[in-house]
PDB file of N, CA and C in Angstrom:
ATOM      1  N   UNK A   1      53.743   2.790 -11.455  1.00  0.00           N
ATOM      2  CA  UNK A   1      52.873   2.654 -10.663  1.00  0.00           C
ATOM      3  C   UNK A   1      52.698   4.232  -9.953  1.00  0.00           C
ATOM      4  N   UNK A   2      51.299   4.610  -9.873  1.00  0.00           N
ATOM      5  CA  UNK A   2      50.881   6.168  -9.450  1.00  0.00           C
ATOM      6  C   UNK A   2      51.431   5.960  -7.706  1.00  0.00           C
ATOM      7  N   UNK A   3      51.925   7.058  -7.427  1.00  0.00           N
ATOM      8  CA  UNK A   3      51.993   7.107  -6.026  1.00  0.00           C
ATOM      9  C   UNK A   3      51.723   8.529  -5.719  1.00  0.00           C
ATOM     10  N   UNK A   4      51.482   9.154  -4.485  1.00  0.00           N
ATOM     11  CA  UNK A   4      51.217  10.325  -4.071  1.00  0.00           C
ATOM     12  C   UNK A   4      52.581  11.111  -3.903  1.00  0.00           C
ATOM     13  N   UNK A   5      52.472  12.432  -4.317  1.00  0.00           N
ATOM     14  CA  UNK A   5      53.680  13.231  -4.253  1.00  0.00           C
ATOM     15  C   UNK A   5      54.035  13.576  -2.885  1.00  0.00           C
ATOM     16  N   UNK A   6      52.733  14.033  -2.233  1.00  0.00           N
ATOM     17  CA  UNK A   6      53.002  14.440  -0.704  1.00  0.00           C
ATOM     18  C   UNK A   6      51.925  13.810   0.082  1.00  0.00           C
ATOM     19  N   UNK A   7      52.421  13.751   1.218  1.00  0.00           N
ATOM     20  CA  UNK A   7      51.082  13.001   2.189  1.00  0.00           C
ATOM     21  C   UNK A   7      50.112  14.125   2.372  1.00  0.00           C
ATOM     22  N   UNK A   8      48.437  13.594   2.127  1.00  0.00           N
ATOM     23  CA  UNK A   8      47.392  14.344   2.397  1.00  0.00           C
ATOM     24  C   UNK A   8      47.373  14.431   4.022  1.00  0.00           C
ATOM     25  N   UNK A   9      47.171  15.667   4.691  1.00  0.00           N
ATOM     26  CA  UNK A   9      46.981  15.646   6.011  1.00  0.00           C
ATOM     27  C   UNK A   9      45.660  15.297   6.410  1.00  0.00           C
ATOM     28  N   UNK A  10      45.518  14.880   7.723  1.00  0.00           N
ATOM     29  CA  UNK A  10      44.101  14.395   7.823  1.00  0.00           C
ATOM     30  C   UNK A  10      42.960  15.382   7.958  1.00  0.00           C
ATOM     31  N   UNK A  11      43.411  16.654   8.240  1.00  0.00           N
ATOM     32  CA  UNK A  11      42.575  17.572   7.850  1.00  0.00           C
ATOM     33  C   UNK A  11      41.928  17.947   6.450  1.00  0.00           C
ATOM     34  N   UNK A  12      42.782  17.629   5.738  1.00  0.00           N
ATOM     35  CA  UNK A  12      42.558  17.738   4.278  1.00  0.00           C
ATOM     36  C   UNK A  12      41.733  16.590   3.870  1.00  0.00           C
ATOM     37  N   UNK A  13      41.952  15.493   4.358  1.00  0.00           N
ATOM     38  CA  UNK A  13      41.401  14.242   3.991  1.00  0.00           C
ATOM     39  C   UNK A  13      39.635  14.372   4.554  1.00  0.00           C
ATOM     40  N   UNK A  14      39.745  14.725   5.751  1.00  0.00           N
ATOM     41  CA  UNK A  14      38.319  14.608   6.242  1.00  0.00           C
ATOM     42  C   UNK A  14      37.629  16.094   5.615  1.00  0.00           C
ATOM     43  N   UNK A  15      38.209  16.910   5.238  1.00  0.00           N
ATOM     44  CA  UNK A  15      37.481  17.928   4.657  1.00  0.00           C
ATOM     45  C   UNK A  15      36.559  17.407   3.235  1.00  0.00           C
ATOM     46  N   UNK A  16      37.674  16.714   2.636  1.00  0.00           N
ATOM     47  CA  UNK A  16      37.168  16.158   1.277  1.00  0.00           C
ATOM     48  C   UNK A  16      36.059  15.142   1.535  1.00  0.00           C
ATOM     49  N   UNK A  17      35.813  14.224   2.731  1.00  0.00           N
ATOM     50  CA  UNK A  17      34.938  13.520   2.949  1.00  0.00           C
ATOM     51  C   UNK A  17      33.781  13.891   3.446  1.00  0.00           C
ATOM     52  N   UNK A  18      33.521  15.437   3.679  1.00  0.00           N
ATOM     53  CA  UNK A  18      32.342  16.064   4.476  1.00  0.00           C
ATOM     54  C   UNK A  18      31.070  15.665   3.548  1.00  0.00           C
ATOM     55  N   UNK A  19      31.244  15.573   2.306  1.00  0.00           N
ATOM     56  CA  UNK A  19      30.156  15.541   1.572  1.00  0.00           C
ATOM     57  C   UNK A  19      29.226  14.185   1.685  1.00  0.00           C
ATOM     58  N   UNK A  20      30.156  12.992   1.830  1.00  0.00           N
ATOM     59  CA  UNK A  20      29.658  11.800   2.078  1.00  0.00           C
ATOM     60  C   UNK A  20      28.886  11.527   3.290  1.00  0.00           C
ATOM     61  N   UNK A  21      27.583  11.719   3.446  1.00  0.00           N
ATOM     62  CA  UNK A  21      26.776  11.455   4.823  1.00  0.00           C
ATOM     63  C   UNK A  21      25.762  10.628   4.388  1.00  0.00           C
ATOM     64  N   UNK A  22      25.527   9.837   5.517  1.00  0.00           N
ATOM     65  CA  UNK A  22      23.983   9.056   5.637  1.00  0.00           C
ATOM     66  C   UNK A  22      23.099   9.682   5.703  1.00  0.00           C
ATOM     67  N   UNK A  23      21.942   9.433   4.877  1.00  0.00           N
ATOM     68  CA  UNK A  23      20.681  10.405   5.155  1.00  0.00           C
ATOM     69  C   UNK A  23      19.585   9.104   5.565  1.00  0.00           C
ATOM     70  N   UNK A  24      18.859   9.897   6.412  1.00  0.00           N
ATOM     71  CA  UNK A  24      17.538   8.789   7.024  1.00  0.00           C
ATOM     72  C   UNK A  24      16.565   8.579   6.086  1.00  0.00           C
ATOM     73  N   UNK A  25      16.231   7.273   6.042  1.00  0.00           N
ATOM     74  CA  UNK A  25      15.214   6.941   4.933  1.00  0.00           C
ATOM     75  C   UNK A  25      13.887   7.474   5.293  1.00  0.00           C
ATOM     76  N   UNK A  26      13.139   7.853   4.124  1.00  0.00           N
ATOM     77  CA  UNK A  26      11.925   8.395   4.213  1.00  0.00           C
ATOM     78  C   UNK A  26      10.972   7.430   4.616  1.00  0.00           C
ATOM     79  N   UNK A  27      10.031   7.606   5.529  1.00  0.00           N
ATOM     80  CA  UNK A  27       9.079   6.593   6.115  1.00  0.00           C
ATOM     81  C   UNK A  27       7.537   7.283   5.911  1.00  0.00           C
ATOM     82  N   UNK A  28       6.994   6.386   5.415  1.00  0.00           N
ATOM     83  CA  UNK A  28       5.544   6.872   5.122  1.00  0.00           C
ATOM     84  C   UNK A  28       4.718   5.961   6.041  1.00  0.00           C
ATOM     85  N   UNK A  29       3.449   6.324   6.394  1.00  0.00           N
ATOM     86  CA  UNK A  29       2.539   5.656   7.013  1.00  0.00           C
ATOM     87  C   UNK A  29       1.410   5.088   6.172  1.00  0.00           C
ATOM     88  N   UNK A  30       1.266   3.816   6.380  1.00  0.00           N
ATOM     89  CA  UNK A  30       0.011   3.121   5.324  1.00  0.00           C
ATOM     90  C   UNK A  30      -1.131   3.676   5.805  1.00  0.00           C
ATOM     91  N   UNK A  31      -2.140   4.095   4.725  1.00  0.00           N
ATOM     92  CA  UNK A  31      -3.350   4.768   5.173  1.00  0.00           C
ATOM     93  C   UNK A  31      -4.366   3.738   5.743  1.00  0.00           C
ATOM     94  N   UNK A  32      -4.353   2.377   5.360  1.00  0.00           N
ATOM     95  CA  UNK A  32      -5.078   1.314   5.791  1.00  0.00           C
ATOM     96  C   UNK A  32      -4.845   0.839   7.160  1.00  0.00           C
ATOM     97  N   UNK A  33      -3.840   0.348   7.452  1.00  0.00           N
ATOM     98  CA  UNK A  33      -3.154   0.006   8.528  1.00  0.00           C
ATOM     99  C   UNK A  33      -2.499   0.901   9.348  1.00  0.00           C
ATOM    100  N   UNK A  34      -2.067   1.913   9.033  1.00  0.00           N
ATOM    101  CA  UNK A  34      -1.416   2.943  10.124  1.00  0.00           C
ATOM    102  C   UNK A  34      -0.037   2.518  10.223  1.00  0.00           C
ATOM    103  N   UNK A  35       0.647   1.268   9.662  1.00  0.00           N
ATOM    104  CA  UNK A  35       1.935   0.903   9.761  1.00  0.00           C
ATOM    105  C   UNK A  35       3.144   1.665   9.259  1.00  0.00           C
ATOM    106  N   UNK A  36       4.127   2.031   9.805  1.00  0.00           N
ATOM    107  CA  UNK A  36       5.140   2.606   9.199  1.00  0.00           C
ATOM    108  C   UNK A  36       5.955   1.788   8.345  1.00  0.00           C
ATOM    109  N   UNK A  37       6.465   2.528   7.139  1.00  0.00           N
ATOM    110  CA  UNK A  37       7.189   1.561   6.138  1.00  0.00           C
ATOM    111  C   UNK A  37       7.995   2.530   4.896  1.00  0.00           C
ATOM    112  N   UNK A  38       8.933   2.071   4.351  1.00  0.00           N
ATOM    113  CA  UNK A  38       9.431   2.705   3.561  1.00  0.00           C
ATOM    114  C   UNK A  38       8.836   3.152   2.356  1.00  0.00           C
ATOM    115  N   UNK A  39       8.781   4.530   1.616  1.00  0.00           N
ATOM    116  CA  UNK A  39       8.135   4.642   0.341  1.00  0.00           C
ATOM    117  C   UNK A  39       8.359   3.656  -0.804  1.00  0.00           C
ATOM    118  N   UNK A  40       7.316   3.427  -1.657  1.00  0.00           N
ATOM    119  CA  UNK A  40       7.446   2.805  -2.795  1.00  0.00           C
ATOM    120  C   UNK A  40       7.854   1.246  -2.514  1.00  0.00           C
ATOM    121  N   UNK A  41       7.533   0.694  -1.228  1.00  0.00           N
ATOM    122  CA  UNK A  41       7.870  -0.527  -1.082  1.00  0.00           C
ATOM    123  C   UNK A  41       6.665  -1.357  -0.411  1.00  0.00           C
ATOM    124  N   UNK A  42       6.451  -2.619  -0.708  1.00  0.00           N
ATOM    125  CA  UNK A  42       5.351  -3.156  -0.124  1.00  0.00           C
ATOM    126  C   UNK A  42       5.725  -3.790   1.423  1.00  0.00           C
ATOM    127  N   UNK A  43       4.705  -3.834   2.140  1.00  0.00           N
ATOM    128  CA  UNK A  43       5.104  -4.251   3.621  1.00  0.00           C
ATOM    129  C   UNK A  43       4.055  -5.315   4.138  1.00  0.00           C
ATOM    130  N   UNK A  44       4.491  -6.134   5.019  1.00  0.00           N
ATOM    131  CA  UNK A  44       3.664  -7.300   5.424  1.00  0.00           C
ATOM    132  C   UNK A  44       3.128  -6.554   6.832  1.00  0.00           C
ATOM    133  N   UNK A  45       1.908  -6.990   6.788  1.00  0.00           N
ATOM    134  CA  UNK A  45       1.147  -6.566   8.210  1.00  0.00           C
ATOM    135  C   UNK A  45      -0.147  -7.579   8.476  1.00  0.00           C
ATOM    136  N   UNK A  46      -0.071  -8.437   9.762  1.00  0.00           N
ATOM    137  CA  UNK A  46      -0.957  -9.339  10.078  1.00  0.00           C
ATOM    138  C   UNK A  46      -1.125 -10.654   8.839  1.00  0.00           C
ATOM    139  N   UNK A  47      -0.021 -10.956   8.414  1.00  0.00           N
ATOM    140  CA  UNK A  47      -0.195 -12.004   7.304  1.00  0.00           C
ATOM    141  C   UNK A  47      -0.540 -11.769   6.189  1.00  0.00           C
ATOM    142  N   UNK A  48      -0.673 -10.041   5.684  1.00  0.00           N
ATOM    143  CA  UNK A  48      -1.118  -9.700   4.347  1.00  0.00           C
ATOM    144  C   UNK A  48      -0.004  -8.910   3.810  1.00  0.00           C
ATOM    145  N   UNK A  49       0.310  -8.729   2.510  1.00  0.00           N
ATOM    146  CA  UNK A  49       1.170  -7.952   1.788  1.00  0.00           C
ATOM    147  C   UNK A  49       0.404  -6.712   1.233  1.00  0.00           C
ATOM    148  N   UNK A  50       0.829  -5.358   1.762  1.00  0.00           N
ATOM    149  CA  UNK A  50       0.246  -4.185   1.531  1.00  0.00           C
ATOM    150  C   UNK A  50       1.206  -3.191   0.516  1.00  0.00           C
ATOM    151  N   UNK A  51       0.593  -2.536  -0.492  1.00  0.00           N
ATOM    152  CA  UNK A  51       1.267  -1.844  -1.277  1.00  0.00           C
ATOM    153  C   UNK A  51       0.154  -0.664  -1.717  1.00  0.00           C
ATOM    154  N   UNK A  52       0.565   0.647  -1.187  1.00  0.00           N
ATOM    155  CA  UNK A  52      -0.144   1.736  -1.734  1.00  0.00           C
ATOM    156  C   UNK A  52      -1.536   1.456  -1.024  1.00  0.00           C
ATOM    157  N   UNK A  53      -1.967   0.844   0.267  1.00  0.00           N
ATOM    158  CA  UNK A  53      -3.014   1.039   0.908  1.00  0.00           C
ATOM    159  C   UNK A  53      -3.788  -0.537   0.378  1.00  0.00           C
ATOM    160  N   UNK A  54      -3.201  -1.312  -0.577  1.00  0.00           N
ATOM    161  CA  UNK A  54      -4.184  -2.188  -0.868  1.00  0.00           C
ATOM    162  C   UNK A  54      -3.536  -3.594  -0.633  1.00  0.00           C
ATOM    163  N   UNK A  55      -4.333  -4.404  -0.617  1.00  0.00           N
ATOM    164  CA  UNK A  55      -3.621  -5.884  -0.165  1.00  0.00           C
ATOM    165  C   UNK A  55      -3.222  -6.345  -1.460  1.00  0.00           C
ATOM    166  N   UNK A  56      -1.973  -7.044  -1.637  1.00  0.00           N
ATOM    167  CA  UNK A  56      -1.638  -7.712  -2.823  1.00  0.00           C
ATOM    168  C   UNK A  56      -1.633  -9.330  -2.585  1.00  0.00           C
ATOM    169  N   UNK A  57      -1.305  -9.783  -1.495  1.00  0.00           N
ATOM    170  CA  UNK A  57      -0.933 -11.083  -1.197  1.00  0.00           C
ATOM    171  C   UNK A  57      -1.661 -11.408   0.126  1.00  0.00           C
ATOM    172  N   UNK A  58      -2.682 -12.230   0.441  1.00  0.00           N
ATOM    173  CA  UNK A  58      -3.316 -12.591   1.645  1.00  0.00           C
ATOM    174  C   UNK A  58      -2.659 -14.029   1.720  1.00  0.00           C
ATOM    175  N   UNK A  59      -1.959 -14.204   2.936  1.00  0.00           N
ATOM    176  CA  UNK A  59      -1.367 -15.603   3.345  1.00  0.00           C
ATOM    177  C   UNK A  59      -2.464 -16.555   3.795  1.00  0.00           C
ATOM    178  N   UNK A  60      -3.413 -16.324   4.279  1.00  0.00           N
ATOM    179  CA  UNK A  60      -4.740 -16.882   5.042  1.00  0.00           C
ATOM    180  C   UNK A  60      -5.458 -17.458   3.805  1.00  0.00           C
ATOM    181  N   UNK A  61      -5.551 -16.766   2.469  1.00  0.00           N
ATOM    182  CA  UNK A  61      -6.517 -17.072   1.522  1.00  0.00           C
ATOM    183  C   UNK A  61      -5.360 -18.120   0.693  1.00  0.00           C
ATOM    184  N   UNK A  62      -4.215 -17.848   0.635  1.00  0.00           N
ATOM    185  CA  UNK A  62      -3.135 -18.925  -0.043  1.00  0.00           C
ATOM    186  C   UNK A  62      -3.124 -20.207   0.706  1.00  0.00           C
ATOM    187  N   UNK A  63      -3.313 -20.192   2.093  1.00  0.00           N
ATOM    188  CA  UNK A  63      -3.079 -21.359   2.598  1.00  0.00           C
ATOM    189  C   UNK A  63      -4.151 -22.283   2.331  1.00  0.00           C
ATOM    190  N   UNK A  64      -5.600 -21.648   2.553  1.00  0.00           N
ATOM    191  CA  UNK A  64      -6.837 -22.375   2.260  1.00  0.00           C
ATOM    192  C   UNK A  64      -6.703 -22.973   0.915  1.00  0.00           C
ATOM    193  N   UNK A  65      -6.410 -22.300  -0.060  1.00  0.00           N
ATOM    194  CA  UNK A  65      -6.273 -22.832  -1.638  1.00  0.00           C
ATOM    195  C   UNK A  65      -5.251 -24.188  -1.710  1.00  0.00           C
ATOM    196  N   UNK A  66      -4.191 -24.332  -0.751  1.00  0.00           N
ATOM    197  CA  UNK A  66      -3.340 -25.323  -0.903  1.00  0.00           C
ATOM    198  C   UNK A  66      -3.979 -26.436  -0.183  1.00  0.00           C
ATOM    199  N   UNK A  67      -4.758 -26.183   0.718  1.00  0.00           N
ATOM    200  CA  UNK A  67      -5.293 -27.540   1.408  1.00  0.00           C
ATOM    201  C   UNK A  67      -6.352 -28.283   0.809  1.00  0.00           C
TER     202      UNK A  67
END
């Protein structure tokens, strides 16, 4: 079973971990609704699912068709 020959100091360990950083997600603004959302993701706004400024799903219309 492998085991370290020497103890790695806290400084050396932390220097190695400097490359792992969290990045803030890129946020886009919808041209139609003005709503902030993640890039390349659909988002809900007032009962409608938007993607690239176009309505994909309208819940009001879907509920009328079911009734």
